[in-house]
Amino acid sequence: MAKQDYSNYQQKVIKNYYENLDTIALTRLQELVTDLYLAETPAKKKRLWQQVEKALTKLKIKPVTKARILETQDIKILAQNLQEWLR
């Protein structure tokens, strides 16, 4: 595949995206916490927890912490950890 040439503006956008990946992932995790609180069906909760797992992987959270959050699937524990990560 040929190398794509990006304009200066596109290069800056791409660079900023990768520089702010942590912030983007944390924001997504905040949205997921809200969605989990509002989820009504078990199927929706299951799907949201799968998305939480992906977000935690992107953030490179310690495996012990990640496992605890995913095993308990307790929204309060997730929210408390998220507050700590945002500091």
N, C-alpha and C. Protein backbone atom coordinates (compact mmCIF):
# COMPACT_ATOMS: atom_id res chain seq x y z
N MET A 1 0.85 -1.18 0.00
CA MET A 1 0.00 0.00 0.00
C MET A 1 0.89 1.24 0.00
N ALA A 2 0.55 2.19 -0.76
CA ALA A 2 1.33 3.41 -0.90
C ALA A 2 1.20 4.28 0.34
N LYS A 3 2.28 4.97 0.64
CA LYS A 3 2.27 5.88 1.78
C LYS A 3 1.40 7.08 1.43
N GLN A 4 0.51 7.44 2.36
CA GLN A 4 -0.36 8.58 2.11
C GLN A 4 0.34 9.86 2.55
N ASP A 5 0.12 10.89 1.76
CA ASP A 5 0.64 12.20 2.11
C ASP A 5 -0.50 13.00 2.73
N TYR A 6 -0.27 13.45 3.94
CA TYR A 6 -1.28 14.24 4.65
C TYR A 6 -0.88 15.71 4.62
N SER A 7 -1.87 16.57 4.59
CA SER A 7 -1.59 18.00 4.66
C SER A 7 -1.09 18.33 6.07
N ASN A 8 -0.54 19.52 6.23
CA ASN A 8 -0.04 19.93 7.54
C ASN A 8 -1.16 19.90 8.57
N TYR A 9 -2.34 20.36 8.17
CA TYR A 9 -3.48 20.36 9.09
C TYR A 9 -3.85 18.94 9.51
N GLN A 10 -3.89 18.03 8.56
CA GLN A 10 -4.22 16.64 8.88
C GLN A 10 -3.17 16.02 9.80
N GLN A 11 -1.92 16.34 9.55
CA GLN A 11 -0.84 15.83 10.40
C GLN A 11 -1.00 16.31 11.84
N LYS A 12 -1.39 17.58 12.02
CA LYS A 12 -1.60 18.13 13.36
C LYS A 12 -2.78 17.46 14.05
N VAL A 13 -3.85 17.22 13.30
CA VAL A 13 -5.03 16.56 13.87
C VAL A 13 -4.67 15.15 14.34
N ILE A 14 -3.95 14.42 13.51
CA ILE A 14 -3.54 13.06 13.86
C ILE A 14 -2.63 13.07 15.08
N LYS A 15 -1.69 14.00 15.09
CA LYS A 15 -0.75 14.10 16.21
C LYS A 15 -1.49 14.42 17.51
N ASN A 16 -2.42 15.38 17.45
CA ASN A 16 -3.20 15.74 18.64
C ASN A 16 -4.06 14.58 19.13
N TYR A 17 -4.61 13.83 18.22
CA TYR A 17 -5.42 12.67 18.60
C TYR A 17 -4.58 11.70 19.43
N TYR A 18 -3.41 11.35 18.94
CA TYR A 18 -2.57 10.39 19.65
C TYR A 18 -2.00 10.96 20.95
N GLU A 19 -1.78 12.24 21.00
CA GLU A 19 -1.29 12.86 22.24
C GLU A 19 -2.37 12.87 23.32
N ASN A 20 -3.64 12.89 22.90
CA ASN A 20 -4.74 12.99 23.85
C ASN A 20 -5.54 11.69 23.99
N LEU A 21 -4.95 10.57 23.63
CA LEU A 21 -5.66 9.30 23.70
C LEU A 21 -6.11 8.98 25.12
N ASP A 22 -5.28 9.29 26.12
CA ASP A 22 -5.66 9.01 27.51
C ASP A 22 -6.92 9.78 27.89
N THR A 23 -6.95 11.05 27.54
CA THR A 23 -8.11 11.88 27.86
C THR A 23 -9.35 11.38 27.14
N ILE A 24 -9.18 10.98 25.90
CA ILE A 24 -10.31 10.46 25.12
C ILE A 24 -10.85 9.18 25.77
N ALA A 25 -9.96 8.28 26.17
CA ALA A 25 -10.38 7.02 26.78
C ALA A 25 -11.06 7.27 28.13
N LEU A 26 -10.53 8.21 28.92
CA LEU A 26 -11.16 8.52 30.21
C LEU A 26 -12.55 9.12 30.02
N THR A 27 -12.69 9.97 29.03
CA THR A 27 -13.99 10.56 28.74
C THR A 27 -14.97 9.47 28.31
N ARG A 28 -14.52 8.55 27.49
CA ARG A 28 -15.37 7.44 27.05
C ARG A 28 -15.79 6.60 28.25
N LEU A 29 -14.87 6.37 29.19
CA LEU A 29 -15.18 5.59 30.39
C LEU A 29 -16.21 6.32 31.24
N GLN A 30 -16.13 7.64 31.33
CA GLN A 30 -17.13 8.41 32.06
C GLN A 30 -18.51 8.22 31.43
N GLU A 31 -18.56 8.26 30.12
CA GLU A 31 -19.83 8.06 29.42
C GLU A 31 -20.38 6.66 29.69
N LEU A 32 -19.50 5.67 29.73
CA LEU A 32 -19.94 4.30 29.99
C LEU A 32 -20.49 4.14 31.40
N VAL A 33 -19.89 4.82 32.37
CA VAL A 33 -20.40 4.76 33.75
C VAL A 33 -21.83 5.30 33.78
N THR A 34 -22.04 6.42 33.12
CA THR A 34 -23.38 7.01 33.06
C THR A 34 -24.35 6.05 32.38
N ASP A 35 -23.94 5.48 31.27
CA ASP A 35 -24.81 4.54 30.55
C ASP A 35 -25.13 3.31 31.40
N LEU A 36 -24.15 2.84 32.17
CA LEU A 36 -24.39 1.68 33.04
C LEU A 36 -25.42 1.99 34.12
N TYR A 37 -25.34 3.18 34.69
CA TYR A 37 -26.32 3.57 35.70
C TYR A 37 -27.73 3.61 35.11
N LEU A 38 -27.83 3.99 33.85
CA LEU A 38 -29.13 4.14 33.21
C LEU A 38 -29.61 2.88 32.49
N ALA A 39 -28.75 1.90 32.32
CA ALA A 39 -29.12 0.68 31.58
C ALA A 39 -30.22 -0.07 32.31
N GLU A 40 -31.17 -0.54 31.54
CA GLU A 40 -32.32 -1.21 32.12
C GLU A 40 -32.31 -2.72 31.89
N THR A 41 -31.79 -3.16 30.78
CA THR A 41 -31.83 -4.59 30.47
C THR A 41 -30.47 -5.24 30.73
N PRO A 42 -30.49 -6.51 31.12
CA PRO A 42 -29.22 -7.23 31.34
C PRO A 42 -28.37 -7.31 30.07
N ALA A 43 -29.00 -7.41 28.92
CA ALA A 43 -28.25 -7.48 27.66
C ALA A 43 -27.48 -6.19 27.41
N LYS A 44 -28.12 -5.07 27.69
CA LYS A 44 -27.45 -3.78 27.50
C LYS A 44 -26.30 -3.62 28.49
N LYS A 45 -26.51 -4.04 29.74
CA LYS A 45 -25.45 -3.96 30.74
C LYS A 45 -24.26 -4.82 30.33
N LYS A 46 -24.55 -6.01 29.81
CA LYS A 46 -23.48 -6.91 29.38
C LYS A 46 -22.64 -6.26 28.28
N ARG A 47 -23.32 -5.67 27.30
CA ARG A 47 -22.63 -5.01 26.19
C ARG A 47 -21.79 -3.83 26.69
N LEU A 48 -22.34 -3.06 27.64
CA LEU A 48 -21.61 -1.91 28.17
C LEU A 48 -20.38 -2.36 28.96
N TRP A 49 -20.49 -3.45 29.72
CA TRP A 49 -19.33 -3.95 30.46
C TRP A 49 -18.23 -4.43 29.50
N GLN A 50 -18.61 -4.96 28.36
CA GLN A 50 -17.61 -5.34 27.35
C GLN A 50 -16.88 -4.11 26.84
N GLN A 51 -17.62 -3.01 26.67
CA GLN A 51 -16.99 -1.77 26.23
C GLN A 51 -16.09 -1.19 27.32
N VAL A 52 -16.50 -1.37 28.59
CA VAL A 52 -15.66 -0.93 29.71
C VAL A 52 -14.34 -1.69 29.68
N GLU A 53 -14.41 -2.98 29.42
CA GLU A 53 -13.19 -3.79 29.36
C GLU A 53 -12.24 -3.27 28.28
N LYS A 54 -12.78 -2.94 27.12
CA LYS A 54 -11.95 -2.40 26.04
C LYS A 54 -11.33 -1.06 26.43
N ALA A 55 -12.11 -0.22 27.09
CA ALA A 55 -11.61 1.10 27.52
C ALA A 55 -10.50 0.94 28.56
N LEU A 56 -10.67 0.00 29.48
CA LEU A 56 -9.64 -0.23 30.49
C LEU A 56 -8.36 -0.76 29.86
N THR A 57 -8.51 -1.55 28.83
CA THR A 57 -7.34 -2.07 28.12
C THR A 57 -6.60 -0.94 27.41
N LYS A 58 -7.35 -0.04 26.78
CA LYS A 58 -6.73 1.11 26.10
C LYS A 58 -5.97 1.99 27.09
N LEU A 59 -6.52 2.12 28.30
CA LEU A 59 -5.88 2.96 29.31
C LEU A 59 -4.70 2.28 29.99
N LYS A 60 -4.51 0.99 29.70
CA LYS A 60 -3.41 0.22 30.29
C LYS A 60 -3.49 0.22 31.82
N ILE A 61 -4.69 -0.06 32.32
CA ILE A 61 -4.92 -0.15 33.76
C ILE A 61 -4.25 -1.42 34.28
N LYS A 62 -3.77 -1.38 35.53
CA LYS A 62 -3.13 -2.55 36.12
C LYS A 62 -4.07 -3.76 36.03
N PRO A 63 -3.53 -4.92 35.68
CA PRO A 63 -4.38 -6.12 35.52
C PRO A 63 -5.18 -6.47 36.77
N VAL A 64 -4.61 -6.24 37.95
CA VAL A 64 -5.31 -6.56 39.19
C VAL A 64 -6.54 -5.67 39.35
N THR A 65 -6.38 -4.40 39.11
CA THR A 65 -7.48 -3.45 39.22
C THR A 65 -8.53 -3.75 38.16
N LYS A 66 -8.08 -3.98 36.95
CA LYS A 66 -9.00 -4.28 35.84
C LYS A 66 -9.81 -5.54 36.15
N ALA A 67 -9.13 -6.58 36.64
CA ALA A 67 -9.81 -7.84 36.96
C ALA A 67 -10.85 -7.64 38.06
N ARG A 68 -10.50 -6.86 39.07
CA ARG A 68 -11.43 -6.63 40.18
C ARG A 68 -12.69 -5.91 39.69
N ILE A 69 -12.49 -4.91 38.88
CA ILE A 69 -13.63 -4.14 38.36
C ILE A 69 -14.53 -5.04 37.50
N LEU A 70 -13.92 -5.82 36.64
CA LEU A 70 -14.70 -6.65 35.72
C LEU A 70 -15.34 -7.85 36.41
N GLU A 71 -14.69 -8.40 37.44
CA GLU A 71 -15.27 -9.53 38.16
C GLU A 71 -16.49 -9.11 38.96
N THR A 72 -16.38 -7.98 39.66
CA THR A 72 -17.49 -7.54 40.49
C THR A 72 -18.58 -6.86 39.68
N GLN A 73 -18.18 -6.25 38.57
CA GLN A 73 -19.08 -5.45 37.73
C GLN A 73 -19.92 -4.51 38.60
N ASP A 74 -19.22 -3.87 39.54
CA ASP A 74 -19.84 -2.90 40.43
C ASP A 74 -19.56 -1.50 39.88
N ILE A 75 -20.62 -0.80 39.56
CA ILE A 75 -20.49 0.53 38.96
C ILE A 75 -19.83 1.49 39.94
N LYS A 76 -20.11 1.35 41.22
CA LYS A 76 -19.53 2.25 42.22
C LYS A 76 -18.01 2.11 42.28
N ILE A 77 -17.52 0.89 42.21
CA ILE A 77 -16.07 0.67 42.22
C ILE A 77 -15.44 1.28 40.97
N LEU A 78 -16.08 1.09 39.84
CA LEU A 78 -15.59 1.67 38.59
C LEU A 78 -15.57 3.19 38.69
N ALA A 79 -16.64 3.77 39.21
CA ALA A 79 -16.72 5.23 39.32
C ALA A 79 -15.67 5.78 40.28
N GLN A 80 -15.43 5.08 41.40
CA GLN A 80 -14.42 5.53 42.35
C GLN A 80 -13.03 5.50 41.74
N ASN A 81 -12.72 4.41 41.04
CA ASN A 81 -11.42 4.32 40.37
C ASN A 81 -11.28 5.40 39.30
N LEU A 82 -12.35 5.65 38.58
CA LEU A 82 -12.33 6.66 37.54
C LEU A 82 -12.03 8.05 38.12
N GLN A 83 -12.61 8.34 39.27
CA GLN A 83 -12.33 9.64 39.92
C GLN A 83 -10.85 9.75 40.26
N GLU A 84 -10.26 8.67 40.74
CA GLU A 84 -8.83 8.69 41.07
C GLU A 84 -7.98 8.90 39.81
N TRP A 85 -8.35 8.24 38.73
CA TRP A 85 -7.58 8.35 37.48
C TRP A 85 -7.68 9.75 36.89
N LEU A 86 -8.78 10.42 37.15
CA LEU A 86 -8.97 11.76 36.60
C LEU A 86 -8.13 12.81 37.34
N ARG A 87 -7.67 12.48 38.50
CA ARG A 87 -6.85 13.44 39.27
C ARG A 87 -5.46 13.55 38.73
